[in-house]
Protein backbone atom coordinates (compact mmCIF):
# COMPACT_ATOMS: atom_id res chain seq x y z
CA UNK A 1 175.21 7.29 143.41
CA UNK A 2 175.55 10.15 140.96
CA UNK A 3 178.11 12.87 141.64
CA UNK A 4 176.93 16.12 140.07
CA UNK A 5 179.74 18.20 141.55
CA UNK A 6 181.98 17.70 138.53
CA UNK A 7 179.65 19.10 135.86
CA UNK A 8 177.52 22.21 135.69
CA UNK A 9 173.85 21.22 135.72
CA UNK A 10 173.16 22.81 132.33
CA UNK A 11 175.63 20.42 130.66
CA UNK A 12 174.03 17.27 132.07
CA UNK A 13 171.60 15.19 130.02
CA UNK A 14 167.98 15.41 131.25
CA UNK A 15 168.02 11.94 132.81
CA UNK A 16 171.03 12.87 134.95
CA UNK A 17 169.47 16.20 135.94
CA UNK A 18 166.40 14.32 137.13
CA UNK A 19 168.57 11.83 139.01
CA UNK A 20 170.58 14.65 140.62
CA UNK A 21 167.37 16.44 141.62
CA UNK A 22 165.92 13.27 143.15
CA UNK A 23 169.15 12.68 145.04
CA UNK A 24 169.17 16.25 146.35
CA UNK A 25 165.57 15.94 147.51
CA UNK A 26 166.28 12.61 149.19
CA UNK A 27 169.36 14.00 150.95
CA UNK A 28 167.36 17.01 152.11
CA UNK A 29 164.55 14.80 153.40
CA UNK A 30 167.07 12.72 155.37
CA UNK A 31 168.81 15.78 156.82
CA UNK A 32 167.46 16.42 160.34
CA UNK A 33 168.11 20.16 159.89
CA UNK A 34 166.16 20.31 156.66
CA UNK A 35 162.48 21.12 156.53
CA UNK A 36 160.92 20.47 153.16
CA UNK A 37 157.18 20.46 152.83
CA UNK A 38 154.60 21.65 150.34
CA UNK A 39 154.03 25.38 150.53
CA UNK A 40 150.72 27.14 149.96
CA UNK A 41 152.26 29.88 147.82
CA UNK A 42 154.09 27.47 145.50
CA UNK A 43 151.15 25.11 145.27
CA UNK A 44 148.83 27.99 144.44
CA UNK A 45 151.14 29.16 141.68
CA UNK A 46 151.35 25.73 140.03
CA UNK A 47 147.56 25.74 139.78
CA UNK A 48 147.99 28.46 137.16
CA UNK A 49 149.85 26.01 134.92
CA UNK A 50 148.04 23.84 132.38
CA UNK A 51 146.35 20.90 134.12
CA UNK A 52 148.77 18.42 132.60
CA UNK A 53 151.67 20.12 134.41
CA UNK A 54 150.01 20.43 137.81
CA UNK A 55 151.22 17.94 140.41
CA UNK A 56 148.45 15.55 141.40
CA UNK A 57 146.68 16.64 144.56
CA UNK A 58 147.68 20.31 144.33
CA UNK A 59 144.14 21.65 144.42
CA UNK A 60 143.09 19.30 147.21
CA UNK A 61 146.14 20.36 149.24
CA UNK A 62 145.25 24.02 148.81
CA UNK A 63 141.61 23.51 149.75
CA UNK A 64 142.57 21.46 152.84
CA UNK A 65 145.03 24.10 154.05
CA UNK A 66 142.51 26.95 154.11
CA UNK A 67 141.81 28.03 157.66
CA UNK A 68 138.44 28.67 159.22
CA UNK A 69 138.84 32.44 158.77
CA UNK A 70 139.48 32.04 155.02
CA UNK A 71 143.25 32.53 155.17
CA UNK A 72 146.22 30.30 154.46
CA UNK A 73 149.57 30.27 156.23
CA UNK A 74 150.64 31.86 159.50
CA UNK A 75 148.15 33.35 161.93
CA UNK A 76 149.63 36.84 161.64
CA UNK A 77 150.39 39.25 158.78
CA UNK A 78 152.70 36.63 157.27
CA UNK A 79 149.57 34.93 155.94
CA UNK A 80 149.06 37.71 153.39
CA UNK A 81 151.22 36.35 150.58
CA UNK A 82 150.02 32.74 150.74
CA UNK A 83 146.42 33.92 151.09
CA UNK A 84 146.73 36.29 148.14
CA UNK A 85 148.36 33.58 146.02
CA UNK A 86 145.81 30.93 146.94
CA UNK A 87 142.89 33.28 146.40
CA UNK A 88 144.27 34.43 143.05
CA UNK A 89 144.68 30.85 141.84
CA UNK A 90 141.26 29.75 143.04
CA UNK A 91 139.66 32.78 141.40
CA UNK A 92 141.48 31.88 138.19
CA UNK A 93 139.95 28.40 138.38
CA UNK A 94 136.55 29.95 139.10
CA UNK A 95 136.93 32.11 135.99
CA UNK A 96 137.79 29.03 133.94
CA UNK A 97 134.60 27.34 135.13
CA UNK A 98 132.59 30.48 134.32
CA UNK A 99 134.02 30.35 130.79
CA UNK A 100 132.93 26.73 130.45
CA UNK A 101 136.36 25.16 130.92
CA UNK A 102 136.87 22.03 132.97
CA UNK A 103 138.94 22.06 136.14
CA UNK A 104 140.33 19.24 138.24
CA UNK A 105 138.27 19.72 141.41
CA UNK A 106 134.74 20.53 142.44
CA UNK A 107 133.82 23.97 141.08
CA UNK A 108 131.64 24.90 144.06
CA UNK A 109 134.40 24.02 146.56
CA UNK A 110 136.87 26.09 144.55
CA UNK A 111 134.64 29.15 144.28
CA UNK A 112 133.61 28.98 147.94
CA UNK A 113 137.26 28.84 149.04
CA UNK A 114 138.09 31.74 146.71
CA UNK A 115 135.29 33.90 148.12
CA UNK A 116 136.29 33.03 151.69
CA UNK A 117 139.84 34.10 150.83
CA UNK A 118 138.55 37.34 149.33
CA UNK A 119 136.49 38.06 152.43
CA UNK A 120 139.50 37.52 154.66
CA UNK A 121 141.69 39.71 152.45
CA UNK A 122 139.14 42.52 152.28
CA UNK A 123 139.11 42.81 156.06
CA UNK A 124 142.82 42.22 156.55
CA UNK A 125 144.09 44.58 153.86
CA UNK A 126 141.70 47.32 154.98
CA UNK A 127 143.06 47.15 158.53
CA UNK A 128 146.71 46.58 157.57
CA UNK A 129 149.07 49.16 159.05
CA UNK A 130 152.41 47.49 158.36
CA UNK A 131 153.63 44.95 155.84
CA UNK A 132 155.26 41.78 157.13
CA UNK A 133 159.03 41.62 156.80
CA UNK A 134 159.30 39.39 153.74
CA UNK A 135 161.66 39.46 150.79
CA UNK A 136 160.15 41.47 147.92
CA UNK A 137 156.80 41.96 149.69
CA UNK A 138 156.58 45.42 148.12
CA UNK A 139 156.58 43.72 144.70
CA UNK A 140 154.70 40.51 145.41
CA UNK A 141 151.74 41.97 147.29
CA UNK A 142 150.72 44.54 144.64
CA UNK A 143 151.26 42.01 141.84
CA UNK A 144 148.96 39.48 143.51
CA UNK A 145 146.35 42.14 144.28
CA UNK A 146 146.43 43.22 140.63
CA UNK A 147 146.10 39.59 139.53
CA UNK A 148 143.02 39.22 141.73
CA UNK A 149 141.53 42.47 140.44
CA UNK A 150 142.04 41.38 136.82
CA UNK A 151 140.46 37.99 137.46
CA UNK A 152 137.49 39.59 139.21
CA UNK A 153 137.07 41.90 136.21
CA UNK A 154 137.14 38.84 133.96
CA UNK A 155 134.49 37.17 136.11
CA UNK A 156 132.35 40.29 135.92
CA UNK A 157 132.66 40.30 132.12
CA UNK A 158 131.66 36.64 131.85
CA UNK A 159 128.77 37.13 134.27
CA UNK A 160 127.50 40.16 132.33
CA UNK A 161 127.49 38.14 129.12
CA UNK A 162 125.16 35.53 130.56
C-alpha cells in the first residue's frame, strides 16, 4: 500500500499520484460514513470537455437522471444548479450537432432533454422568490444562465444560416 502522507502530491510522479487517488477513492468507498456517487452537476460539466476526455457513459447518465418534469436533482429549489448545468451542457451538444459536429449520443435525445430542461427552468426561474442556500449560488446561477443564453444565441445564429 502506498503512503502519500510523507510527500506533497505535487512532488509525486504521475503513476504514484494515480495510485494515491485510486487508494483514496477505494478507502472512501469502503467507509460507511462516506457517500460517493456520480453527481449531475459534475457530469454535466465534463460533457463540455473534448469527447476523448469525457468519462464513458457520462451522457447516458445525465439523460437517465432527468426527471419527468425536466429537472435534475432534488425536488425543491436545490435542483436549480444541477438543472442549469445539465441543460447548459445538453444545449452545448445540441449546438455542436447544429454545426455539423458529431456527438457521442443520439442527437434527438440530447436536444429533447435540453428543451425539457429549458421548459422547467423557464417556469421555475420565473416563479423563484428565494435562492437555495448553496455555496456561491449568487455566482454559479448567473454564470450558468449566461452560458445557456450564449448557447441559445449560437443556436439561433446557426439556424438563421440554414
